[in-house]
Amino acid sequence: MNVLDRTALEAIPSIPRDADGPVFAEPWQAKAFAMALRLHEQGVFTWSEWAETLSATIAHAQAGGDPDAGNTYYLHWLKALETIVTAKGVSDPATLEDRRNAWDRAAKATPHGQPIELGAEKRG
């Protein structure tokens, strides 16, 4: 495996993968995955802490009616990432909300098929 060692993959529950490793349906999923890896590498959290946070996020979603059909996995991943960076003091809910809003504005201002860039709504 080229991105994660086997121990790390085993610590992350239910990650969509094929024989070559993790798979992503959308670029943002790969970015969220990479952010989690980088934060772990920087010592922000352990794989055990990550697995517990992601498992709790998924369990909460299932309790709320998520059918767990696999198409919401990375939404849970992103929610878990937001939860753990807030808990660890890396960010705060207001900053995360501001960033989500900035991405939403940039996505709406970006022509279809073009890369989304923060600040695009200000240039357009």
N, C-alpha and C. Protein backbone atom coordinates (compact mmCIF):
# COMPACT_ATOMS: atom_id res chain seq x y z
N MET A 1 0.85 -1.18 0.00
CA MET A 1 0.00 0.00 0.00
C MET A 1 0.88 1.22 0.00
N ASN A 2 0.46 2.21 -0.75
CA ASN A 2 1.33 3.36 -0.90
C ASN A 2 0.98 4.55 0.00
N VAL A 3 -0.27 4.68 0.45
CA VAL A 3 -0.65 5.84 1.25
C VAL A 3 -0.66 5.51 2.73
N LEU A 4 -1.22 4.41 3.07
CA LEU A 4 -1.35 4.02 4.47
C LEU A 4 -0.73 2.66 4.70
N ASP A 5 -0.18 2.47 5.86
CA ASP A 5 0.25 1.11 6.16
C ASP A 5 -0.95 0.29 6.62
N ARG A 6 -0.82 -1.00 6.61
CA ARG A 6 -1.94 -1.89 6.92
C ARG A 6 -2.51 -1.61 8.31
N THR A 7 -1.70 -1.28 9.28
CA THR A 7 -2.18 -1.00 10.63
C THR A 7 -3.14 0.19 10.63
N ALA A 8 -2.80 1.24 9.91
CA ALA A 8 -3.67 2.41 9.86
C ALA A 8 -4.99 2.07 9.20
N LEU A 9 -4.96 1.32 8.11
CA LEU A 9 -6.20 0.94 7.43
C LEU A 9 -7.09 0.09 8.33
N GLU A 10 -6.48 -0.78 9.13
CA GLU A 10 -7.27 -1.61 10.03
C GLU A 10 -7.90 -0.78 11.14
N ALA A 11 -7.27 0.35 11.50
CA ALA A 11 -7.80 1.20 12.57
C ALA A 11 -8.96 2.06 12.10
N ILE A 12 -9.09 2.24 10.79
CA ILE A 12 -10.14 3.08 10.23
C ILE A 12 -11.29 2.16 9.82
N PRO A 13 -12.43 2.25 10.48
CA PRO A 13 -13.52 1.32 10.21
C PRO A 13 -14.20 1.56 8.87
N SER A 14 -14.50 0.51 8.16
CA SER A 14 -15.36 0.51 6.98
C SER A 14 -14.96 1.44 5.85
N ILE A 15 -13.70 1.75 5.70
CA ILE A 15 -13.31 2.67 4.64
C ILE A 15 -13.49 1.99 3.28
N PRO A 16 -14.16 2.65 2.33
CA PRO A 16 -14.30 2.07 1.00
C PRO A 16 -12.92 1.88 0.37
N ARG A 17 -12.65 0.68 -0.12
CA ARG A 17 -11.34 0.40 -0.72
C ARG A 17 -11.46 -0.73 -1.72
N ASP A 18 -10.44 -0.81 -2.55
CA ASP A 18 -10.30 -1.94 -3.44
C ASP A 18 -8.95 -2.56 -3.14
N ALA A 19 -8.47 -3.43 -4.02
CA ALA A 19 -7.21 -4.13 -3.76
C ALA A 19 -6.02 -3.18 -3.66
N ASP A 20 -6.11 -2.00 -4.28
CA ASP A 20 -5.01 -1.05 -4.26
C ASP A 20 -5.06 -0.05 -3.11
N GLY A 21 -6.16 -0.04 -2.36
CA GLY A 21 -6.27 0.90 -1.25
C GLY A 21 -7.56 1.68 -1.29
N PRO A 22 -7.61 2.83 -0.60
CA PRO A 22 -8.83 3.63 -0.51
C PRO A 22 -9.31 4.09 -1.89
N VAL A 23 -10.63 4.18 -2.04
CA VAL A 23 -11.22 4.68 -3.28
C VAL A 23 -12.14 5.86 -2.97
N PHE A 24 -12.26 6.76 -3.92
CA PHE A 24 -13.03 7.97 -3.72
C PHE A 24 -13.93 8.22 -4.93
N ALA A 25 -15.16 8.61 -4.67
CA ALA A 25 -16.10 8.91 -5.75
C ALA A 25 -15.98 10.37 -6.19
N GLU A 26 -15.48 11.23 -5.33
CA GLU A 26 -15.39 12.67 -5.61
C GLU A 26 -14.05 13.20 -5.10
N PRO A 27 -13.48 14.21 -5.75
CA PRO A 27 -12.21 14.78 -5.29
C PRO A 27 -12.23 15.26 -3.84
N TRP A 28 -13.36 15.83 -3.38
CA TRP A 28 -13.40 16.33 -2.01
C TRP A 28 -13.21 15.20 -1.00
N GLN A 29 -13.64 13.98 -1.36
CA GLN A 29 -13.46 12.85 -0.46
C GLN A 29 -11.97 12.54 -0.27
N ALA A 30 -11.22 12.58 -1.35
CA ALA A 30 -9.78 12.35 -1.27
C ALA A 30 -9.11 13.44 -0.43
N LYS A 31 -9.59 14.67 -0.59
CA LYS A 31 -9.01 15.78 0.19
C LYS A 31 -9.31 15.62 1.68
N ALA A 32 -10.53 15.23 2.01
CA ALA A 32 -10.88 15.02 3.42
C ALA A 32 -10.05 13.88 4.00
N PHE A 33 -9.87 12.84 3.21
CA PHE A 33 -9.05 11.70 3.63
C PHE A 33 -7.62 12.17 3.88
N ALA A 34 -7.08 12.95 2.95
CA ALA A 34 -5.70 13.43 3.07
C ALA A 34 -5.53 14.35 4.28
N MET A 35 -6.55 15.17 4.55
CA MET A 35 -6.47 16.04 5.73
C MET A 35 -6.38 15.22 7.01
N ALA A 36 -7.18 14.17 7.09
CA ALA A 36 -7.14 13.31 8.28
C ALA A 36 -5.76 12.67 8.42
N LEU A 37 -5.20 12.19 7.31
CA LEU A 37 -3.86 11.59 7.37
C LEU A 37 -2.83 12.59 7.84
N ARG A 38 -2.89 13.79 7.29
CA ARG A 38 -1.90 14.82 7.66
C ARG A 38 -2.01 15.21 9.12
N LEU A 39 -3.24 15.38 9.60
CA LEU A 39 -3.42 15.73 11.01
C LEU A 39 -2.92 14.62 11.92
N HIS A 40 -3.14 13.37 11.52
CA HIS A 40 -2.60 12.25 12.30
C HIS A 40 -1.07 12.30 12.29
N GLU A 41 -0.48 12.50 11.10
CA GLU A 41 0.98 12.57 10.99
C GLU A 41 1.56 13.69 11.86
N GLN A 42 0.80 14.78 12.02
CA GLN A 42 1.26 15.90 12.83
C GLN A 42 1.00 15.68 14.32
N GLY A 43 0.40 14.53 14.67
CA GLY A 43 0.19 14.21 16.07
C GLY A 43 -1.05 14.81 16.69
N VAL A 44 -1.96 15.31 15.86
CA VAL A 44 -3.18 15.91 16.40
C VAL A 44 -4.05 14.87 17.08
N PHE A 45 -4.10 13.65 16.51
CA PHE A 45 -4.87 12.57 17.10
C PHE A 45 -4.23 11.24 16.76
N THR A 46 -4.55 10.23 17.55
CA THR A 46 -4.08 8.87 17.28
C THR A 46 -5.10 8.17 16.38
N TRP A 47 -4.71 7.04 15.79
CA TRP A 47 -5.66 6.27 14.98
C TRP A 47 -6.79 5.75 15.84
N SER A 48 -6.51 5.42 17.08
CA SER A 48 -7.58 4.97 17.97
C SER A 48 -8.59 6.08 18.21
N GLU A 49 -8.11 7.30 18.45
CA GLU A 49 -9.03 8.43 18.64
C GLU A 49 -9.85 8.67 17.37
N TRP A 50 -9.19 8.57 16.22
CA TRP A 50 -9.90 8.77 14.96
C TRP A 50 -10.98 7.70 14.77
N ALA A 51 -10.61 6.45 14.99
CA ALA A 51 -11.57 5.35 14.82
C ALA A 51 -12.77 5.52 15.75
N GLU A 52 -12.52 5.92 16.97
CA GLU A 52 -13.61 6.14 17.92
C GLU A 52 -14.52 7.29 17.48
N THR A 53 -13.92 8.38 17.00
CA THR A 53 -14.69 9.53 16.56
C THR A 53 -15.51 9.20 15.33
N LEU A 54 -14.90 8.54 14.35
CA LEU A 54 -15.61 8.17 13.13
C LEU A 54 -16.72 7.16 13.43
N SER A 55 -16.43 6.19 14.26
CA SER A 55 -17.45 5.19 14.63
C SER A 55 -18.63 5.85 15.32
N ALA A 56 -18.35 6.77 16.23
CA ALA A 56 -19.43 7.48 16.94
C ALA A 56 -20.25 8.33 15.98
N THR A 57 -19.58 8.97 15.01
CA THR A 57 -20.27 9.79 14.03
C THR A 57 -21.20 8.94 13.17
N ILE A 58 -20.71 7.79 12.74
CA ILE A 58 -21.52 6.89 11.92
C ILE A 58 -22.69 6.34 12.73
N ALA A 59 -22.42 5.94 13.97
CA ALA A 59 -23.49 5.41 14.83
C ALA A 59 -24.57 6.46 15.06
N HIS A 60 -24.16 7.70 15.26
CA HIS A 60 -25.12 8.79 15.47
C HIS A 60 -25.98 8.98 14.21
N ALA A 61 -25.35 8.93 13.05
CA ALA A 61 -26.09 9.09 11.79
C ALA A 61 -27.05 7.92 11.58
N GLN A 62 -26.61 6.72 11.89
CA GLN A 62 -27.49 5.55 11.75
C GLN A 62 -28.68 5.66 12.70
N ALA A 63 -28.43 6.12 13.90
CA ALA A 63 -29.52 6.29 14.87
C ALA A 63 -30.51 7.34 14.38
N GLY A 64 -30.04 8.28 13.57
CA GLY A 64 -30.90 9.31 13.01
C GLY A 64 -31.55 8.91 11.70
N GLY A 65 -31.33 7.66 11.26
CA GLY A 65 -32.00 7.17 10.07
C GLY A 65 -31.13 6.97 8.85
N ASP A 66 -29.82 7.24 8.93
CA ASP A 66 -28.95 7.01 7.78
C ASP A 66 -28.99 5.52 7.44
N PRO A 67 -29.32 5.16 6.19
CA PRO A 67 -29.44 3.75 5.82
C PRO A 67 -28.10 3.04 5.68
N ASP A 68 -26.98 3.77 5.78
CA ASP A 68 -25.66 3.17 5.71
C ASP A 68 -25.48 2.37 4.41
N ALA A 69 -25.85 2.99 3.30
CA ALA A 69 -25.73 2.34 2.00
C ALA A 69 -24.37 2.59 1.36
N GLY A 70 -23.47 3.25 2.06
CA GLY A 70 -22.13 3.51 1.56
C GLY A 70 -21.96 4.86 0.90
N ASN A 71 -23.03 5.47 0.43
CA ASN A 71 -22.91 6.74 -0.27
C ASN A 71 -22.73 7.93 0.67
N THR A 72 -22.89 7.74 1.95
CA THR A 72 -22.72 8.84 2.91
C THR A 72 -21.45 8.70 3.75
N TYR A 73 -20.65 7.69 3.45
CA TYR A 73 -19.47 7.41 4.27
C TYR A 73 -18.57 8.64 4.44
N TYR A 74 -18.23 9.30 3.34
CA TYR A 74 -17.29 10.42 3.46
C TYR A 74 -17.94 11.67 4.03
N LEU A 75 -19.26 11.76 3.99
CA LEU A 75 -19.93 12.83 4.73
C LEU A 75 -19.70 12.62 6.23
N HIS A 76 -19.77 11.37 6.65
CA HIS A 76 -19.48 11.04 8.05
C HIS A 76 -18.00 11.29 8.36
N TRP A 77 -17.15 10.96 7.41
CA TRP A 77 -15.71 11.19 7.57
C TRP A 77 -15.45 12.67 7.82
N LEU A 78 -16.08 13.52 6.99
CA LEU A 78 -15.90 14.96 7.12
C LEU A 78 -16.44 15.46 8.46
N LYS A 79 -17.60 14.98 8.86
CA LYS A 79 -18.18 15.37 10.16
C LYS A 79 -17.26 14.94 11.30
N ALA A 80 -16.70 13.73 11.21
CA ALA A 80 -15.77 13.26 12.24
C ALA A 80 -14.51 14.13 12.27
N LEU A 81 -14.04 14.52 11.10
CA LEU A 81 -12.87 15.39 11.03
C LEU A 81 -13.15 16.73 11.69
N GLU A 82 -14.33 17.30 11.41
CA GLU A 82 -14.70 18.56 12.05
C GLU A 82 -14.82 18.38 13.57
N THR A 83 -15.38 17.27 13.98
CA THR A 83 -15.54 16.99 15.42
C THR A 83 -14.19 16.91 16.12
N ILE A 84 -13.28 16.17 15.53
CA ILE A 84 -12.00 15.94 16.21
C ILE A 84 -11.12 17.20 16.20
N VAL A 85 -11.13 17.98 15.11
CA VAL A 85 -10.31 19.19 15.13
C VAL A 85 -10.87 20.23 16.08
N THR A 86 -12.18 20.22 16.26
CA THR A 86 -12.78 21.12 17.25
C THR A 86 -12.42 20.67 18.66
N ALA A 87 -12.56 19.37 18.91
CA ALA A 87 -12.25 18.82 20.23
C ALA A 87 -10.78 19.03 20.61
N LYS A 88 -9.90 18.97 19.62
CA LYS A 88 -8.47 19.12 19.88
C LYS A 88 -8.01 20.57 19.85
N GLY A 89 -8.93 21.51 19.58
CA GLY A 89 -8.58 22.92 19.57
C GLY A 89 -7.84 23.38 18.33
N VAL A 90 -7.85 22.59 17.27
CA VAL A 90 -7.19 22.98 16.03
C VAL A 90 -8.02 24.04 15.31
N SER A 91 -9.32 23.96 15.46
CA SER A 91 -10.23 24.92 14.87
C SER A 91 -11.42 25.08 15.80
N ASP A 92 -12.36 25.92 15.40
CA ASP A 92 -13.57 26.10 16.20
C ASP A 92 -14.76 26.06 15.26
N PRO A 93 -15.96 25.82 15.79
CA PRO A 93 -17.14 25.70 14.93
C PRO A 93 -17.38 26.92 14.04
N ALA A 94 -17.15 28.11 14.54
CA ALA A 94 -17.38 29.31 13.73
C ALA A 94 -16.43 29.37 12.53
N THR A 95 -15.18 29.04 12.74
CA THR A 95 -14.21 29.04 11.65
C THR A 95 -14.57 27.98 10.61
N LEU A 96 -14.98 26.81 11.07
CA LEU A 96 -15.39 25.76 10.14
C LEU A 96 -16.60 26.19 9.33
N GLU A 97 -17.56 26.84 9.98
CA GLU A 97 -18.75 27.33 9.28
C GLU A 97 -18.37 28.39 8.25
N ASP A 98 -17.47 29.30 8.62
CA ASP A 98 -17.01 30.32 7.67
C ASP A 98 -16.36 29.67 6.44
N ARG A 99 -15.56 28.64 6.67
CA ARG A 99 -14.87 27.95 5.57
C ARG A 99 -15.87 27.23 4.68
N ARG A 100 -16.88 26.56 5.29
CA ARG A 100 -17.93 25.89 4.50
C ARG A 100 -18.66 26.90 3.63
N ASN A 101 -19.00 28.05 4.21
CA ASN A 101 -19.71 29.09 3.46
C ASN A 101 -18.85 29.64 2.32
N ALA A 102 -17.56 29.81 2.57
CA ALA A 102 -16.65 30.30 1.53
C ALA A 102 -16.57 29.31 0.37
N TRP A 103 -16.48 28.02 0.69
CA TRP A 103 -16.46 27.00 -0.36
C TRP A 103 -17.77 26.98 -1.12
N ASP A 104 -18.88 27.13 -0.44
CA ASP A 104 -20.18 27.14 -1.10
C ASP A 104 -20.28 28.32 -2.07
N ARG A 105 -19.87 29.49 -1.62
CA ARG A 105 -19.89 30.67 -2.50
C ARG A 105 -18.97 30.47 -3.70
N ALA A 106 -17.79 29.94 -3.45
CA ALA A 106 -16.83 29.72 -4.55
C ALA A 106 -17.37 28.69 -5.54
N ALA A 107 -17.99 27.63 -5.04
CA ALA A 107 -18.55 26.60 -5.93
C ALA A 107 -19.64 27.19 -6.82
N LYS A 108 -20.49 28.03 -6.24
CA LYS A 108 -21.57 28.65 -7.01
C LYS A 108 -21.05 29.63 -8.04
N ALA A 109 -19.89 30.23 -7.79
CA ALA A 109 -19.31 31.22 -8.70
C ALA A 109 -18.41 30.59 -9.76
N THR A 110 -18.15 29.30 -9.66
CA THR A 110 -17.23 28.63 -10.56
C THR A 110 -17.99 27.96 -11.71
N PRO A 111 -17.60 28.25 -12.95
CA PRO A 111 -18.25 27.58 -14.08
C PRO A 111 -18.08 26.06 -14.00
N HIS A 112 -19.10 25.34 -14.46
CA HIS A 112 -19.07 23.88 -14.45
C HIS A 112 -17.82 23.36 -15.15
N GLY A 113 -17.19 22.40 -14.53
CA GLY A 113 -16.00 21.78 -15.11
C GLY A 113 -14.70 22.46 -14.75
N GLN A 114 -14.77 23.60 -14.11
CA GLN A 114 -13.56 24.33 -13.72
C GLN A 114 -13.22 24.02 -12.26
N PRO A 115 -11.94 24.09 -11.89
CA PRO A 115 -11.58 23.88 -10.49
C PRO A 115 -12.16 24.98 -9.60
N ILE A 116 -12.62 24.60 -8.45
CA ILE A 116 -13.16 25.56 -7.49
C ILE A 116 -11.99 26.19 -6.74
N GLU A 117 -12.00 27.52 -6.71
CA GLU A 117 -10.97 28.25 -5.98
C GLU A 117 -11.61 29.20 -5.00
N LEU A 118 -11.16 29.17 -3.78
CA LEU A 118 -11.67 30.13 -2.80
C LEU A 118 -11.35 31.54 -3.28
N GLY A 119 -12.31 32.43 -3.11
CA GLY A 119 -12.14 33.80 -3.57
C GLY A 119 -12.67 34.02 -4.98
N ALA A 120 -13.09 32.94 -5.66
CA ALA A 120 -13.60 33.07 -7.03
C ALA A 120 -14.82 33.97 -7.09
N GLU A 121 -15.62 33.95 -6.03
CA GLU A 121 -16.84 34.76 -6.03
C GLU A 121 -16.51 36.25 -5.98
N LYS A 122 -15.32 36.57 -5.49
CA LYS A 122 -14.91 37.99 -5.41
C LYS A 122 -14.37 38.48 -6.75
N ARG A 123 -13.78 37.55 -7.52
CA ARG A 123 -13.21 37.92 -8.82
C ARG A 123 -14.29 38.00 -9.90
N GLY A 124 -15.40 37.25 -9.71
CA GLY A 124 -16.42 37.17 -10.76
C GLY A 124 -17.34 38.25 -10.72
